[in-house]
Amino acid sequence: MRWPKNEHLYLESLEMSPGGRITMLGLPAHRPLAWIPARSLGGGGSKGAFKKGTVVRFSKLTIDKLPTPWAWVLKVIGAFKASKPSNLPSAKAE
């Protein structure tokens, strides 16, 4: 995944609980990244409107301030349990 060019990272499969926190490993844990539910961005039914997921904001974090230039990892606390996509077959215990 590349560093977001517009300071926002859209994660379609991540749904957060209201008290959830997102931090970046290697950076101070007491400074969580800002996030908002993607649906709050609206779009009024436009073609590119976000319907689900989470948008993480990197407004004061630039790539030169990362702990390493090769990788970055987000730590997520307070995510909802993901629902199974309807196009996957049901798992059966045997």
PDB file of N, CA and C in Angstrom:
ATOM      1  N   MET A   1       0.848  -1.166   0.000  1.00  0.00           N
ATOM      2  CA  MET A   1       0.000   0.000   0.000  1.00  0.00           C
ATOM      3  C   MET A   1       0.897   1.234   0.000  1.00  0.00           C
ATOM      4  N   ARG A   2       0.575   2.187  -0.801  1.00  0.00           N
ATOM      5  CA  ARG A   2       1.353   3.421  -0.885  1.00  0.00           C
ATOM      6  C   ARG A   2       0.871   4.440   0.138  1.00  0.00           C
ATOM      7  N   TRP A   3       1.764   5.361   0.459  1.00  0.00           N
ATOM      8  CA  TRP A   3       1.423   6.437   1.377  1.00  0.00           C
ATOM      9  C   TRP A   3       0.340   7.302   0.738  1.00  0.00           C
ATOM     10  N   PRO A   4      -0.716   7.652   1.489  1.00  0.00           N
ATOM     11  CA  PRO A   4      -1.808   8.450   0.921  1.00  0.00           C
ATOM     12  C   PRO A   4      -1.340   9.830   0.448  1.00  0.00           C
ATOM     13  N   LYS A   5      -1.708  10.195  -0.750  1.00  0.00           N
ATOM     14  CA  LYS A   5      -1.294  11.481  -1.307  1.00  0.00           C
ATOM     15  C   LYS A   5      -2.137  12.633  -0.787  1.00  0.00           C
ATOM     16  N   ASN A   6      -3.374  12.370  -0.412  1.00  0.00           N
ATOM     17  CA  ASN A   6      -4.278  13.450   0.015  1.00  0.00           C
ATOM     18  C   ASN A   6      -4.499  13.475   1.530  1.00  0.00           C
ATOM     19  N   GLU A   7      -3.620  12.836   2.293  1.00  0.00           N
ATOM     20  CA  GLU A   7      -3.679  12.792   3.759  1.00  0.00           C
ATOM     21  C   GLU A   7      -4.816  11.939   4.308  1.00  0.00           C
ATOM     22  N   HIS A   8      -5.529  11.212   3.452  1.00  0.00           N
ATOM     23  CA  HIS A   8      -6.630  10.356   3.890  1.00  0.00           C
ATOM     24  C   HIS A   8      -6.435   8.943   3.343  1.00  0.00           C
ATOM     25  N   LEU A   9      -6.633   7.956   4.208  1.00  0.00           N
ATOM     26  CA  LEU A   9      -6.562   6.561   3.802  1.00  0.00           C
ATOM     27  C   LEU A   9      -7.939   5.951   3.986  1.00  0.00           C
ATOM     28  N   TYR A  10      -8.554   5.505   2.906  1.00  0.00           N
ATOM     29  CA  TYR A  10      -9.884   4.890   2.943  1.00  0.00           C
ATOM     30  C   TYR A  10      -9.718   3.381   3.083  1.00  0.00           C
ATOM     31  N   LEU A  11     -10.262   2.834   4.185  1.00  0.00           N
ATOM     32  CA  LEU A  11     -10.219   1.400   4.444  1.00  0.00           C
ATOM     33  C   LEU A  11     -11.649   0.879   4.419  1.00  0.00           C
ATOM     34  N   GLU A  12     -12.057   0.337   3.303  1.00  0.00           N
ATOM     35  CA  GLU A  12     -13.442  -0.062   3.096  1.00  0.00           C
ATOM     36  C   GLU A  12     -13.893  -1.170   4.052  1.00  0.00           C
ATOM     37  N   SER A  13     -13.023  -2.086   4.393  1.00  0.00           N
ATOM     38  CA  SER A  13     -13.427  -3.226   5.210  1.00  0.00           C
ATOM     39  C   SER A  13     -13.283  -2.994   6.712  1.00  0.00           C
ATOM     40  N   LEU A  14     -12.895  -1.801   7.131  1.00  0.00           N
ATOM     41  CA  LEU A  14     -12.718  -1.511   8.554  1.00  0.00           C
ATOM     42  C   LEU A  14     -13.884  -0.675   9.074  1.00  0.00           C
ATOM     43  N   GLU A  15     -14.640  -1.234  10.004  1.00  0.00           N
ATOM     44  CA  GLU A  15     -15.723  -0.517  10.675  1.00  0.00           C
ATOM     45  C   GLU A  15     -15.326  -0.345  12.138  1.00  0.00           C
ATOM     46  N   MET A  16     -15.302   0.887  12.611  1.00  0.00           N
ATOM     47  CA  MET A  16     -14.841   1.191  13.966  1.00  0.00           C
ATOM     48  C   MET A  16     -16.006   1.421  14.922  1.00  0.00           C
ATOM     49  N   SER A  17     -15.789   1.061  16.192  1.00  0.00           N
ATOM     50  CA  SER A  17     -16.743   1.409  17.242  1.00  0.00           C
ATOM     51  C   SER A  17     -16.477   2.854  17.654  1.00  0.00           C
ATOM     52  N   PRO A  18     -17.464   3.533  18.254  1.00  0.00           N
ATOM     53  CA  PRO A  18     -17.297   4.955  18.591  1.00  0.00           C
ATOM     54  C   PRO A  18     -16.055   5.284  19.431  1.00  0.00           C
ATOM     55  N   GLY A  19     -15.629   4.415  20.315  1.00  0.00           N
ATOM     56  CA  GLY A  19     -14.463   4.693  21.150  1.00  0.00           C
ATOM     57  C   GLY A  19     -13.169   4.110  20.612  1.00  0.00           C
ATOM     58  N   GLY A  20     -13.167   3.665  19.369  1.00  0.00           N
ATOM     59  CA  GLY A  20     -12.000   3.008  18.790  1.00  0.00           C
ATOM     60  C   GLY A  20     -10.819   3.941  18.616  1.00  0.00           C
ATOM     61  N   ARG A  21      -9.633   3.335  18.530  1.00  0.00           N
ATOM     62  CA  ARG A  21      -8.387   4.107  18.367  1.00  0.00           C
ATOM     63  C   ARG A  21      -7.551   3.477  17.269  1.00  0.00           C
ATOM     64  N   ILE A  22      -6.887   4.328  16.520  1.00  0.00           N
ATOM     65  CA  ILE A  22      -5.943   3.869  15.501  1.00  0.00           C
ATOM     66  C   ILE A  22      -4.623   4.587  15.756  1.00  0.00           C
ATOM     67  N   THR A  23      -3.569   3.796  15.925  1.00  0.00           N
ATOM     68  CA  THR A  23      -2.236   4.357  16.114  1.00  0.00           C
ATOM     69  C   THR A  23      -1.312   3.731  15.074  1.00  0.00           C
ATOM     70  N   MET A  24      -0.128   4.296  14.937  1.00  0.00           N
ATOM     71  CA  MET A  24       0.862   3.732  14.024  1.00  0.00           C
ATOM     72  C   MET A  24       2.008   3.188  14.855  1.00  0.00           C
ATOM     73  N   LEU A  25       2.370   1.929  14.580  1.00  0.00           N
ATOM     74  CA  LEU A  25       3.476   1.329  15.307  1.00  0.00           C
ATOM     75  C   LEU A  25       4.753   2.119  15.055  1.00  0.00           C
ATOM     76  N   GLY A  26       5.510   2.334  16.125  1.00  0.00           N
ATOM     77  CA  GLY A  26       6.746   3.099  16.037  1.00  0.00           C
ATOM     78  C   GLY A  26       6.571   4.565  16.381  1.00  0.00           C
ATOM     79  N   LEU A  27       5.323   5.009  16.472  1.00  0.00           N
ATOM     80  CA  LEU A  27       5.032   6.390  16.876  1.00  0.00           C
ATOM     81  C   LEU A  27       4.387   6.366  18.256  1.00  0.00           C
ATOM     82  N   PRO A  28       4.396   7.473  18.995  1.00  0.00           N
ATOM     83  CA  PRO A  28       3.819   7.478  20.337  1.00  0.00           C
ATOM     84  C   PRO A  28       2.352   7.029  20.347  1.00  0.00           C
ATOM     85  N   ALA A  29       2.049   6.035  21.184  1.00  0.00           N
ATOM     86  CA  ALA A  29       0.685   5.496  21.259  1.00  0.00           C
ATOM     87  C   ALA A  29      -0.299   6.500  21.849  1.00  0.00           C
ATOM     88  N   HIS A  30       0.200   7.496  22.594  1.00  0.00           N
ATOM     89  CA  HIS A  30      -0.697   8.483  23.189  1.00  0.00           C
ATOM     90  C   HIS A  30      -1.173   9.528  22.167  1.00  0.00           C
ATOM     91  N   ARG A  31      -0.726   9.398  20.918  1.00  0.00           N
ATOM     92  CA  ARG A  31      -1.153  10.324  19.866  1.00  0.00           C
ATOM     93  C   ARG A  31      -1.838   9.539  18.753  1.00  0.00           C
ATOM     94  N   PRO A  32      -3.094   9.109  18.985  1.00  0.00           N
ATOM     95  CA  PRO A  32      -3.781   8.318  17.960  1.00  0.00           C
ATOM     96  C   PRO A  32      -4.062   9.147  16.704  1.00  0.00           C
ATOM     97  N   LEU A  33      -4.211   8.452  15.599  1.00  0.00           N
ATOM     98  CA  LEU A  33      -4.565   9.105  14.339  1.00  0.00           C
ATOM     99  C   LEU A  33      -6.064   9.390  14.335  1.00  0.00           C
ATOM    100  N   ALA A  34      -6.437  10.476  13.731  1.00  0.00           N
ATOM    101  CA  ALA A  34      -7.856  10.817  13.621  1.00  0.00           C
ATOM    102  C   ALA A  34      -8.509   9.910  12.584  1.00  0.00           C
ATOM    103  N   TRP A  35      -9.767   9.543  12.827  1.00  0.00           N
ATOM    104  CA  TRP A  35     -10.506   8.730  11.863  1.00  0.00           C
ATOM    105  C   TRP A  35     -11.972   9.139  11.906  1.00  0.00           C
ATOM    106  N   ILE A  36     -12.659   8.875  10.820  1.00  0.00           N
ATOM    107  CA  ILE A  36     -14.100   9.124  10.751  1.00  0.00           C
ATOM    108  C   ILE A  36     -14.743   7.987   9.970  1.00  0.00           C
ATOM    109  N   PRO A  37     -16.011   7.678  10.278  1.00  0.00           N
ATOM    110  CA  PRO A  37     -16.716   6.692   9.461  1.00  0.00           C
ATOM    111  C   PRO A  37     -16.831   7.232   8.033  1.00  0.00           C
ATOM    112  N   ALA A  38     -16.576   6.402   7.059  1.00  0.00           N
ATOM    113  CA  ALA A  38     -16.604   6.846   5.664  1.00  0.00           C
ATOM    114  C   ALA A  38     -17.976   7.386   5.269  1.00  0.00           C
ATOM    115  N   ARG A  39     -19.034   6.825   5.835  1.00  0.00           N
ATOM    116  CA  ARG A  39     -20.390   7.284   5.469  1.00  0.00           C
ATOM    117  C   ARG A  39     -20.625   8.736   5.874  1.00  0.00           C
ATOM    118  N   SER A  40     -19.847   9.249   6.854  1.00  0.00           N
ATOM    119  CA  SER A  40     -20.039  10.632   7.282  1.00  0.00           C
ATOM    120  C   SER A  40     -19.494  11.629   6.265  1.00  0.00           C
ATOM    121  N   LEU A  41     -18.711  11.134   5.286  1.00  0.00           N
ATOM    122  CA  LEU A  41     -18.227  12.018   4.239  1.00  0.00           C
ATOM    123  C   LEU A  41     -19.327  12.360   3.248  1.00  0.00           C
ATOM    124  N   GLY A  42     -20.423  11.623   3.335  1.00  0.00           N
ATOM    125  CA  GLY A  42     -21.565  11.917   2.472  1.00  0.00           C
ATOM    126  C   GLY A  42     -21.311  11.577   1.035  1.00  0.00           C
ATOM    127  N   GLY A  43     -21.738  12.439   0.173  1.00  0.00           N
ATOM    128  CA  GLY A  43     -21.621  12.196  -1.250  1.00  0.00           C
ATOM    129  C   GLY A  43     -22.983  12.207  -1.899  1.00  0.00           C
ATOM    130  N   GLY A  44     -24.040  12.144  -1.069  1.00  0.00           N
ATOM    131  CA  GLY A  44     -25.399  12.262  -1.583  1.00  0.00           C
ATOM    132  C   GLY A  44     -25.737  11.319  -2.711  1.00  0.00           C
ATOM    133  N   GLY A  45     -25.226  10.091  -2.635  1.00  0.00           N
ATOM    134  CA  GLY A  45     -25.557   9.126  -3.664  1.00  0.00           C
ATOM    135  C   GLY A  45     -24.729   9.267  -4.929  1.00  0.00           C
ATOM    136  N   SER A  46     -23.724  10.105  -4.906  1.00  0.00           N
ATOM    137  CA  SER A  46     -22.889  10.264  -6.099  1.00  0.00           C
ATOM    138  C   SER A  46     -22.115   8.984  -6.368  1.00  0.00           C
ATOM    139  N   LYS A  47     -21.639   8.828  -7.563  1.00  0.00           N
ATOM    140  CA  LYS A  47     -20.969   7.609  -7.988  1.00  0.00           C
ATOM    141  C   LYS A  47     -19.771   7.255  -7.111  1.00  0.00           C
ATOM    142  N   GLY A  48     -19.009   8.228  -6.670  1.00  0.00           N
ATOM    143  CA  GLY A  48     -17.819   7.967  -5.875  1.00  0.00           C
ATOM    144  C   GLY A  48     -18.039   8.039  -4.376  1.00  0.00           C
ATOM    145  N   ALA A  49     -19.273   8.091  -3.917  1.00  0.00           N
ATOM    146  CA  ALA A  49     -19.558   8.235  -2.491  1.00  0.00           C
ATOM    147  C   ALA A  49     -19.143   6.982  -1.716  1.00  0.00           C
ATOM    148  N   PHE A  50     -18.601   7.190  -0.523  1.00  0.00           N
ATOM    149  CA  PHE A  50     -18.255   6.077   0.356  1.00  0.00           C
ATOM    150  C   PHE A  50     -19.510   5.605   1.065  1.00  0.00           C
ATOM    151  N   LYS A  51     -19.701   4.306   1.138  1.00  0.00           N
ATOM    152  CA  LYS A  51     -20.878   3.765   1.802  1.00  0.00           C
ATOM    153  C   LYS A  51     -20.537   3.074   3.114  1.00  0.00           C
ATOM    154  N   LYS A  52     -19.341   2.509   3.200  1.00  0.00           N
ATOM    155  CA  LYS A  52     -18.941   1.816   4.415  1.00  0.00           C
ATOM    156  C   LYS A  52     -17.446   1.984   4.612  1.00  0.00           C
ATOM    157  N   GLY A  53     -16.980   1.593   5.774  1.00  0.00           N
ATOM    158  CA  GLY A  53     -15.559   1.648   6.054  1.00  0.00           C
ATOM    159  C   GLY A  53     -15.165   2.827   6.923  1.00  0.00           C
ATOM    160  N   THR A  54     -13.878   3.076   6.950  1.00  0.00           N
ATOM    161  CA  THR A  54     -13.288   4.104   7.800  1.00  0.00           C
ATOM    162  C   THR A  54     -12.264   4.897   7.000  1.00  0.00           C
ATOM    163  N   VAL A  55     -12.200   6.188   7.270  1.00  0.00           N
ATOM    164  CA  VAL A  55     -11.194   7.045   6.658  1.00  0.00           C
ATOM    165  C   VAL A  55     -10.241   7.490   7.763  1.00  0.00           C
ATOM    166  N   VAL A  56      -8.957   7.147   7.612  1.00  0.00           N
ATOM    167  CA  VAL A  56      -7.925   7.533   8.573  1.00  0.00           C
ATOM    168  C   VAL A  56      -7.264   8.791   8.038  1.00  0.00           C
ATOM    169  N   ARG A  57      -7.097   9.770   8.924  1.00  0.00           N
ATOM    170  CA  ARG A  57      -6.492  11.049   8.526  1.00  0.00           C
ATOM    171  C   ARG A  57      -5.033  11.118   8.981  1.00  0.00           C
ATOM    172  N   PHE A  58      -4.170  11.451   8.037  1.00  0.00           N
ATOM    173  CA  PHE A  58      -2.742  11.609   8.317  1.00  0.00           C
ATOM    174  C   PHE A  58      -2.349  13.075   8.188  1.00  0.00           C
ATOM    175  N   SER A  59      -3.182  13.980   8.655  1.00  0.00           N
ATOM    176  CA  SER A  59      -2.992  15.403   8.378  1.00  0.00           C
ATOM    177  C   SER A  59      -1.659  15.984   8.841  1.00  0.00           C
ATOM    178  N   LYS A  60      -1.118  15.534   9.952  1.00  0.00           N
ATOM    179  CA  LYS A  60       0.149  16.100  10.438  1.00  0.00           C
ATOM    180  C   LYS A  60       1.295  15.112  10.339  1.00  0.00           C
ATOM    181  N   LEU A  61       1.050  14.009   9.667  1.00  0.00           N
ATOM    182  CA  LEU A  61       2.067  12.974   9.550  1.00  0.00           C
ATOM    183  C   LEU A  61       2.484  12.866   8.089  1.00  0.00           C
ATOM    184  N   THR A  62       3.755  13.102   7.838  1.00  0.00           N
ATOM    185  CA  THR A  62       4.269  12.991   6.480  1.00  0.00           C
ATOM    186  C   THR A  62       5.231  11.814   6.402  1.00  0.00           C
ATOM    187  N   ILE A  63       5.459  11.343   5.212  1.00  0.00           N
ATOM    188  CA  ILE A  63       6.270  10.145   5.016  1.00  0.00           C
ATOM    189  C   ILE A  63       7.687  10.297   5.581  1.00  0.00           C
ATOM    190  N   ASP A  64       8.222  11.500   5.601  1.00  0.00           N
ATOM    191  CA  ASP A  64       9.568  11.696   6.149  1.00  0.00           C
ATOM    192  C   ASP A  64       9.609  11.603   7.678  1.00  0.00           C
ATOM    193  N   LYS A  65       8.449  11.591   8.335  1.00  0.00           N
ATOM    194  CA  LYS A  65       8.388  11.471   9.796  1.00  0.00           C
ATOM    195  C   LYS A  65       8.112  10.047  10.254  1.00  0.00           C
ATOM    196  N   LEU A  66       8.037   9.111   9.335  1.00  0.00           N
ATOM    197  CA  LEU A  66       7.763   7.719   9.682  1.00  0.00           C
ATOM    198  C   LEU A  66       8.978   7.072  10.331  1.00  0.00           C
ATOM    199  N   PRO A  67       8.744   6.068  11.195  1.00  0.00           N
ATOM    200  CA  PRO A  67       9.864   5.389  11.850  1.00  0.00           C
ATOM    201  C   PRO A  67      10.794   4.686  10.859  1.00  0.00           C
ATOM    202  N   THR A  68      10.281   4.253   9.728  1.00  0.00           N
ATOM    203  CA  THR A  68      11.088   3.591   8.700  1.00  0.00           C
ATOM    204  C   THR A  68      10.520   3.938   7.330  1.00  0.00           C
ATOM    205  N   PRO A  69      11.351   4.064   6.325  1.00  0.00           N
ATOM    206  CA  PRO A  69      10.836   4.390   4.988  1.00  0.00           C
ATOM    207  C   PRO A  69      10.296   3.177   4.231  1.00  0.00           C
ATOM    208  N   TRP A  70      10.469   1.961   4.776  1.00  0.00           N
ATOM    209  CA  TRP A  70      10.111   0.755   4.043  1.00  0.00           C
ATOM    210  C   TRP A  70       8.723   0.210   4.347  1.00  0.00           C
ATOM    211  N   ALA A  71       8.189   0.478   5.506  1.00  0.00           N
ATOM    212  CA  ALA A  71       6.883  -0.092   5.863  1.00  0.00           C
ATOM    213  C   ALA A  71       6.223   0.746   6.943  1.00  0.00           C
ATOM    214  N   TRP A  72       4.910   0.643   7.029  1.00  0.00           N
ATOM    215  CA  TRP A  72       4.170   1.279   8.110  1.00  0.00           C
ATOM    216  C   TRP A  72       2.989   0.382   8.457  1.00  0.00           C
ATOM    217  N   VAL A  73       2.664   0.352   9.759  1.00  0.00           N
ATOM    218  CA  VAL A  73       1.625  -0.545  10.262  1.00  0.00           C
ATOM    219  C   VAL A  73       0.686   0.242  11.162  1.00  0.00           C
ATOM    220  N   LEU A  74      -0.600   0.087  10.928  1.00  0.00           N
ATOM    221  CA  LEU A  74      -1.604   0.712  11.789  1.00  0.00           C
ATOM    222  C   LEU A  74      -2.078  -0.303  12.816  1.00  0.00           C
ATOM    223  N   LYS A  75      -2.184   0.142  14.056  1.00  0.00           N
ATOM    224  CA  LYS A  75      -2.734  -0.687  15.126  1.00  0.00           C
ATOM    225  C   LYS A  75      -4.151  -0.192  15.365  1.00  0.00           C
ATOM    226  N   VAL A  76      -5.111  -1.104  15.249  1.00  0.00           N
ATOM    227  CA  VAL A  76      -6.523  -0.745  15.364  1.00  0.00           C
ATOM    228  C   VAL A  76      -7.094  -1.378  16.625  1.00  0.00           C
ATOM    229  N   ILE A  77      -7.692  -0.551  17.473  1.00  0.00           N
ATOM    230  CA  ILE A  77      -8.368  -1.027  18.685  1.00  0.00           C
ATOM    231  C   ILE A  77      -9.805  -0.534  18.616  1.00  0.00           C
ATOM    232  N   GLY A  78     -10.739  -1.448  18.718  1.00  0.00           N
ATOM    233  CA  GLY A  78     -12.148  -1.064  18.719  1.00  0.00           C
ATOM    234  C   GLY A  78     -12.832  -1.204  17.375  1.00  0.00           C
ATOM    235  N   ALA A  79     -12.394  -2.166  16.589  1.00  0.00           N
ATOM    236  CA  ALA A  79     -13.062  -2.418  15.308  1.00  0.00           C
ATOM    237  C   ALA A  79     -14.223  -3.371  15.544  1.00  0.00           C
ATOM    238  N   PHE A  80     -15.275  -3.204  14.754  1.00  0.00           N
ATOM    239  CA  PHE A  80     -16.388  -4.142  14.796  1.00  0.00           C
ATOM    240  C   PHE A  80     -15.946  -5.442  14.149  1.00  0.00           C
ATOM    241  N   LYS A  81     -16.553  -6.524  14.555  1.00  0.00           N
ATOM    242  CA  LYS A  81     -16.276  -7.799  13.917  1.00  0.00           C
ATOM    243  C   LYS A  81     -16.799  -7.732  12.486  1.00  0.00           C
ATOM    244  N   ALA A  82     -15.943  -8.088  11.546  1.00  0.00           N
ATOM    245  CA  ALA A  82     -16.323  -8.028  10.131  1.00  0.00           C
ATOM    246  C   ALA A  82     -17.365  -9.091   9.816  1.00  0.00           C
ATOM    247  N   SER A  83     -18.343  -8.711   9.017  1.00  0.00           N
ATOM    248  CA  SER A  83     -19.328  -9.686   8.575  1.00  0.00           C
ATOM    249  C   SER A  83     -18.791 -10.403   7.351  1.00  0.00           C
ATOM    250  N   LYS A  84     -19.218 -11.634   7.168  1.00  0.00           N
ATOM    251  CA  LYS A  84     -18.742 -12.442   6.055  1.00  0.00           C
ATOM    252  C   LYS A  84     -19.361 -11.935   4.754  1.00  0.00           C
ATOM    253  N   PRO A  85     -18.561 -11.690   3.735  1.00  0.00           N
ATOM    254  CA  PRO A  85     -19.124 -11.276   2.454  1.00  0.00           C
ATOM    255  C   PRO A  85     -20.086 -12.333   1.929  1.00  0.00           C
ATOM    256  N   SER A  86     -21.156 -11.911   1.305  1.00  0.00           N
ATOM    257  CA  SER A  86     -22.187 -12.833   0.852  1.00  0.00           C
ATOM    258  C   SER A  86     -21.744 -13.725  -0.296  1.00  0.00           C
ATOM    259  N   ASN A  87     -20.657 -13.388  -0.975  1.00  0.00           N
ATOM    260  CA  ASN A  87     -20.223 -14.197  -2.108  1.00  0.00           C
ATOM    261  C   ASN A  87     -19.293 -15.348  -1.714  1.00  0.00           C
ATOM    262  N   LEU A  88     -19.003 -15.517  -0.414  1.00  0.00           N
ATOM    263  CA  LEU A  88     -18.166 -16.617   0.039  1.00  0.00           C
ATOM    264  C   LEU A  88     -19.033 -17.785   0.486  1.00  0.00           C
ATOM    265  N   PRO A  89     -18.592 -19.013   0.233  1.00  0.00           N
ATOM    266  CA  PRO A  89     -19.378 -20.169   0.690  1.00  0.00           C
ATOM    267  C   PRO A  89     -19.349 -20.274   2.205  1.00  0.00           C
ATOM    268  N   SER A  90     -20.377 -20.837   2.760  1.00  0.00           N
ATOM    269  CA  SER A  90     -20.443 -21.024   4.208  1.00  0.00           C
ATOM    270  C   SER A  90     -19.430 -22.057   4.658  1.00  0.00           C
ATOM    271  N   ALA A  91     -18.818 -21.817   5.800  1.00  0.00           N
ATOM    272  CA  ALA A  91     -17.874 -22.784   6.357  1.00  0.00           C
ATOM    273  C   ALA A  91     -18.657 -23.858   7.082  1.00  0.00           C
ATOM    274  N   LYS A  92     -18.264 -25.103   6.890  1.00  0.00           N
ATOM    275  CA  LYS A  92     -18.946 -26.222   7.542  1.00  0.00           C
ATOM    276  C   LYS A  92     -17.943 -26.981   8.383  1.00  0.00           C
ATOM    277  N   ALA A  93     -18.317 -27.224   9.644  1.00  0.00           N
ATOM    278  CA  ALA A  93     -17.460 -28.025  10.521  1.00  0.00           C
ATOM    279  C   ALA A  93     -17.688 -29.487  10.206  1.00  0.00           C
ATOM    280  N   GLU A  94     -16.607 -30.245  10.042  1.00  0.00           N
ATOM    281  CA  GLU A  94     -16.746 -31.666   9.707  1.00  0.00           C
ATOM    282  C   GLU A  94     -16.089 -32.522  10.729  1.00  0.00           C
TER     283      GLU A  94
END
